[in-house]
Protein backbone atom coordinates (compact mmCIF):
# COMPACT_ATOMS: atom_id res chain seq x y z
CA UNK A 1 3.60 48.33 -84.19
CA UNK A 2 7.15 49.68 -84.46
CA UNK A 3 10.00 47.24 -83.65
CA UNK A 4 10.95 49.22 -80.53
CA UNK A 5 7.44 48.86 -79.01
CA UNK A 6 7.40 45.14 -79.78
CA UNK A 7 10.67 44.56 -77.93
CA UNK A 8 9.36 46.41 -74.84
CA UNK A 9 6.33 44.10 -74.70
CA UNK A 10 8.48 41.01 -75.25
CA UNK A 11 10.75 42.12 -72.41
CA UNK A 12 7.73 42.73 -70.13
CA UNK A 13 6.31 39.29 -70.91
CA UNK A 14 9.37 37.45 -69.59
CA UNK A 15 9.96 39.91 -66.71
CA UNK A 16 6.45 39.50 -65.28
CA UNK A 17 6.82 35.76 -64.49
CA UNK A 18 10.33 36.42 -63.17
CA UNK A 19 9.00 39.08 -60.77
CA UNK A 20 6.19 36.79 -59.58
CA UNK A 21 8.65 33.94 -59.04
CA UNK A 22 11.03 36.19 -57.08
CA UNK A 23 8.17 37.51 -54.91
CA UNK A 24 7.11 33.94 -54.13
CA UNK A 25 10.66 32.94 -53.18
CA UNK A 26 11.06 35.99 -50.94
CA UNK A 27 7.72 35.16 -49.26
CA UNK A 28 8.73 31.55 -48.63
CA UNK A 29 12.10 32.64 -47.21
CA UNK A 30 10.55 35.22 -44.90
CA UNK A 31 7.97 32.67 -43.72
CA UNK A 32 10.74 30.13 -43.04
CA UNK A 33 12.72 32.63 -40.95
CA UNK A 34 9.76 33.72 -38.79
CA UNK A 35 9.38 31.95 -35.42
CA UNK A 36 5.61 31.67 -35.99
CA UNK A 37 5.84 30.51 -39.60
CA UNK A 38 2.89 29.00 -41.44
CA UNK A 39 3.48 25.40 -42.54
CA UNK A 40 3.51 25.06 -46.31
CA UNK A 41 2.23 21.48 -46.17
CA UNK A 42 -0.36 20.40 -43.61
CA UNK A 43 -3.93 19.51 -42.79
CA UNK A 44 -5.97 22.63 -43.56
CA UNK A 45 -9.42 21.17 -42.90
CA UNK A 46 -11.97 23.15 -40.88
CA UNK A 47 -12.11 20.39 -38.26
CA UNK A 48 -8.34 20.53 -37.68
CA UNK A 49 -8.38 24.32 -37.57
CA UNK A 50 -11.03 24.33 -34.87
CA UNK A 51 -9.23 21.69 -32.84
CA UNK A 52 -5.95 23.60 -33.09
CA UNK A 53 -7.55 26.76 -31.71
CA UNK A 54 -7.82 25.17 -28.26
CA UNK A 55 -5.58 22.93 -26.23
CA UNK A 56 -7.81 19.91 -26.71
CA UNK A 57 -10.31 18.82 -29.30
CA UNK A 58 -13.83 20.15 -28.69
CA UNK A 59 -15.35 18.28 -31.64
CA UNK A 60 -17.88 15.57 -30.76
CA UNK A 61 -18.94 12.97 -33.33
CA UNK A 62 -22.63 12.83 -34.24
CA UNK A 63 -22.95 9.27 -32.90
CA UNK A 64 -21.75 10.33 -29.45
CA UNK A 65 -23.95 13.45 -29.44
CA UNK A 66 -26.98 11.33 -30.41
CA UNK A 67 -26.27 8.88 -27.56
CA UNK A 68 -26.04 11.75 -25.07
CA UNK A 69 -29.28 13.20 -26.49
CA UNK A 70 -31.10 9.86 -26.13
CA UNK A 71 -29.85 9.46 -22.57
CA UNK A 72 -30.79 13.08 -21.81
CA UNK A 73 -27.24 13.49 -20.57
CA UNK A 74 -26.41 16.70 -22.42
CA UNK A 75 -27.72 20.20 -22.98
CA UNK A 76 -27.65 21.32 -26.62
CA UNK A 77 -27.09 25.00 -27.35
CA UNK A 78 -27.78 26.52 -30.75
CA UNK A 79 -25.22 29.23 -31.60
CA UNK A 80 -27.14 30.47 -34.67
CA UNK A 81 -29.28 33.60 -34.66
CA UNK A 82 -32.86 33.55 -33.32
CA UNK A 83 -34.47 33.36 -36.77
CA UNK A 84 -32.52 30.23 -37.68
CA UNK A 85 -33.29 28.73 -34.27
CA UNK A 86 -37.02 29.43 -34.66
CA UNK A 87 -37.12 27.94 -38.14
CA UNK A 88 -35.78 24.67 -36.74
CA UNK A 89 -33.39 23.34 -34.10
CA UNK A 90 -32.42 20.19 -32.25
CA UNK A 91 -35.32 19.20 -30.00
CA UNK A 92 -34.92 20.80 -26.59
CA UNK A 93 -31.92 22.91 -27.57
CA UNK A 94 -31.43 26.29 -25.94
CA UNK A 95 -30.83 29.35 -28.08
CA UNK A 96 -27.68 31.33 -27.34
CA UNK A 97 -26.65 33.19 -30.49
CA UNK A 98 -22.90 33.73 -30.52
CA UNK A 99 -23.21 37.42 -31.35
CA UNK A 100 -25.28 37.90 -28.18
CA UNK A 101 -23.59 35.38 -25.88
CA UNK A 102 -22.12 37.96 -23.51
CA UNK A 103 -25.52 39.48 -22.72
CA UNK A 104 -27.66 36.33 -22.78
CA UNK A 105 -25.21 34.03 -20.99
CA UNK A 106 -26.48 34.70 -17.44
CA UNK A 107 -30.07 33.68 -18.27
CA UNK A 108 -28.90 30.47 -20.00
CA UNK A 109 -26.27 29.55 -17.40
CA UNK A 110 -28.86 29.24 -14.66
CA UNK A 111 -30.68 26.52 -16.62
CA UNK A 112 -27.61 24.28 -16.91
CA UNK A 113 -26.83 22.02 -13.95
CA UNK A 114 -23.18 21.88 -12.89
CA UNK A 115 -21.20 19.07 -14.51
CA UNK A 116 -23.66 18.64 -17.40
CA UNK A 117 -22.24 18.02 -20.85
CA UNK A 118 -22.94 20.97 -23.14
CA UNK A 119 -22.99 20.48 -26.90
CA UNK A 120 -22.94 23.59 -29.06
CA UNK A 121 -23.85 23.58 -32.74
CA UNK A 122 -24.44 25.82 -35.72
CA UNK A 123 -24.80 25.05 -39.43
CA UNK A 124 -22.29 24.65 -42.22
CA UNK A 125 -18.89 22.98 -42.37
CA UNK A 126 -17.11 26.32 -42.09
CA UNK A 127 -19.34 27.73 -39.33
CA UNK A 128 -17.20 28.75 -36.36
CA UNK A 129 -20.03 30.12 -34.21
CA UNK A 130 -20.50 26.92 -32.21
CA UNK A 131 -16.76 26.50 -31.70
CA UNK A 132 -16.41 30.08 -30.51
CA UNK A 133 -19.40 29.60 -28.20
CA UNK A 134 -17.91 26.37 -26.82
CA UNK A 135 -14.64 28.15 -26.02
CA UNK A 136 -16.62 31.03 -24.45
CA UNK A 137 -18.55 28.57 -22.23
CA UNK A 138 -15.34 26.87 -21.16
CA UNK A 139 -13.88 30.24 -20.27
CA UNK A 140 -17.02 30.88 -18.16
CA UNK A 141 -16.30 27.76 -16.10
CA UNK A 142 -18.19 24.96 -17.85
CA UNK A 143 -15.74 22.09 -18.09
CA UNK A 144 -17.52 19.54 -20.29
CA UNK A 145 -18.31 21.51 -23.45
CA UNK A 146 -18.23 19.97 -26.92
CA UNK A 147 -18.90 21.22 -30.44
CA UNK A 148 -21.01 19.30 -32.97
CA UNK A 149 -19.40 20.35 -36.23
CA UNK A 150 -22.00 21.28 -38.89
CA UNK A 151 -24.49 20.23 -36.24
CA UNK A 152 -27.80 21.34 -37.64
CA UNK A 153 -27.21 19.76 -41.05
CA UNK A 154 -25.79 16.45 -39.80
CA UNK A 155 -28.54 16.17 -37.18
CA UNK A 156 -31.26 16.59 -39.82
CA UNK A 157 -29.48 14.26 -42.27
CA UNK A 158 -29.50 11.56 -39.58
CA UNK A 159 -33.28 12.09 -39.05
CA UNK A 160 -32.78 12.87 -35.37
CA UNK A 161 -35.46 14.78 -33.41
CA UNK A 162 -35.91 18.44 -34.31
CA UNK A 163 -38.49 21.07 -33.52
CA UNK A 164 -39.69 24.29 -35.03
CA UNK A 165 -41.15 27.29 -33.21
CA UNK A 166 -44.71 25.89 -33.12
CA UNK A 167 -44.29 22.33 -34.39
CA UNK A 168 -42.45 19.24 -33.24
CA UNK A 169 -41.13 16.45 -35.48
CA UNK A 170 -41.55 12.76 -34.60
C-alpha cells in the first residue's frame, strides 16, 4: 500500500471516533434543551413504564389478585388472542383480545356488574396488551381496573386455578 493511502486510512481511523463522540454530545445537548427531554438516568423497567403511562399505578400484585380471585371479588379478563385463551387461561376469565376490544367490548361489558374489580392480564414481562386493555376499560367508565403484569405466567407459576378449552385444572 502506498504511503499516501496509508495516511488516509490512519486519518479516517481517528476521525471516526471523533465524529461519533461529537454526534453523541450534540444529541445529549439537544435532549437537554428540549422541554420534553428523556432522562439519561432513570428506572427503565417495564413495570415503571406501564405505571407512568397513566396517572396512577394500574399494576396489581399477584398476592392481591389471588385474594380477589378466592373471594370471587374480581372479574379477570384475558387480553391475549383467542388461541392463547383457549390453550389455557385463569379459571373463569373472560376473553377480550386487545386487538378486538373495540368490537367485542359491548358483549363483555354487560357481564360485568358495576363497581366490580376488573383484572386484566396477558403473558410476558414486556406484554402491554393487558395494560392497554386496562386503560381502555377505564376510559369506557370502569373505575376499578387493575393489570396483573405477566399475569398468565405468574398465575401458572403460583399453581393457581387455570382452565383450558375443554379441561379444568384442580
